[in-house]
Every structure is written in structure tokens, then in C-alpha cells.
Amino acid sequence: MTKRARPHFRLSEYPSGDLFIVLEQFDGDKLELTKRLIGFDLPSGMKPDKAEAVRKFLSDNLVFVTET
């Protein structure tokens, strides 16, 4: 069975100061995927304003996460 959920993306930071984006579930079907931490590493040294622009782009353009 295919399940769909709306994603939420947030910025987080490693102890080194490098930023990454975390995928969380906003609403929809309960996905197995979101029972784990799913992170997307950004290039080392990326400035917070650029990282926020990437996060916002994902939030504005990825409508659903689909799991089959």
C-alpha cells in the first residue's frame, strides 16, 4: 500500500558547525521512513542564510513524501 505525508524541513547543526536539513513529517499517513532521523548534509561551510534558502525551497516545492 502506498502512503503519503506532507514533509516539514528544519535546519540543524553538527557540533562542528556544519548545517544539515532534517526531514520530519508534518501530517498525513504514518510513514515508516519518518520513524528515523533523515538528514541531508549541506556543503561544509555553507552560510546560514544560504542553508535557510535551501530549506525554504524544499518546503515550498516538495508537497508530499511517498512510501510504498
Protein backbone atom coordinates (compact mmCIF):
# COMPACT_ATOMS: atom_id res chain seq x y z
CA MET A 1 0.00 0.00 0.00
CA THR A 2 1.27 3.46 -0.86
CA LYS A 3 1.29 6.08 1.89
CA ARG A 4 1.73 9.84 1.51
CA ALA A 5 2.59 12.54 4.02
CA ARG A 6 3.40 16.24 3.95
CA PRO A 7 7.03 16.90 4.82
CA HIS A 8 8.46 19.51 7.15
CA PHE A 9 12.10 20.52 6.82
CA ARG A 10 14.15 22.13 9.57
CA LEU A 11 17.75 23.25 9.86
CA SER A 12 20.04 21.60 12.36
CA GLU A 13 23.74 21.88 13.14
CA TYR A 14 26.51 19.40 13.85
CA PRO A 15 28.92 20.16 16.73
CA SER A 16 31.42 21.16 14.02
CA GLY A 17 29.10 23.99 12.99
CA ASP A 18 28.18 22.42 9.65
CA LEU A 19 24.49 22.67 8.85
CA PHE A 20 22.12 19.96 7.69
CA ILE A 21 18.43 19.71 6.89
CA VAL A 22 16.18 17.27 8.74
CA LEU A 23 13.10 15.73 7.16
CA GLU A 24 10.15 15.46 9.54
CA GLN A 25 6.54 14.53 8.94
CA PHE A 26 4.01 17.37 9.14
CA ASP A 27 0.80 15.40 8.57
CA GLY A 28 -0.70 12.59 6.50
CA ASP A 29 -0.24 8.82 6.65
CA LYS A 30 2.21 7.49 9.24
CA LEU A 31 5.39 6.69 7.31
CA GLU A 32 7.98 4.16 8.45
CA LEU A 33 10.60 6.48 6.96
CA THR A 34 9.91 9.25 9.47
CA LYS A 35 10.39 6.96 12.47
CA ARG A 36 14.11 7.59 11.90
CA LEU A 37 16.17 10.74 11.64
CA ILE A 38 16.52 11.56 7.95
CA GLY A 39 19.13 14.23 7.35
CA PHE A 40 20.52 15.94 4.26
CA ASP A 41 24.07 17.23 4.68
CA LEU A 42 24.82 20.61 3.15
CA PRO A 43 28.25 21.61 1.83
CA SER A 44 30.75 22.30 4.60
CA GLY A 45 30.94 25.99 5.44
CA MET A 46 27.56 26.88 3.92
CA LYS A 47 26.31 30.15 5.42
CA PRO A 48 23.07 30.04 7.46
CA ASP A 49 21.20 32.34 5.06
CA LYS A 50 22.00 30.06 2.10
CA ALA A 51 21.04 26.98 4.15
CA GLU A 52 17.74 28.64 5.03
CA ALA A 53 17.13 29.33 1.33
CA VAL A 54 17.65 25.63 0.56
CA ARG A 55 15.34 24.61 3.41
CA LYS A 56 12.67 27.05 2.21
CA PHE A 57 12.98 25.81 -1.38
CA LEU A 58 12.38 22.24 -0.22
CA SER A 59 9.43 23.30 1.94
CA ASP A 60 7.88 25.31 -0.89
CA ASN A 61 8.37 22.71 -3.61
CA LEU A 62 8.15 19.21 -2.13
CA VAL A 63 4.46 18.69 -1.45
CA PHE A 64 4.41 15.02 -0.39
CA VAL A 65 6.75 12.23 0.58
CA THR A 66 5.53 8.91 -0.81
CA GLU A 67 6.36 5.49 0.64
CA THR A 68 5.43 2.16 -0.91
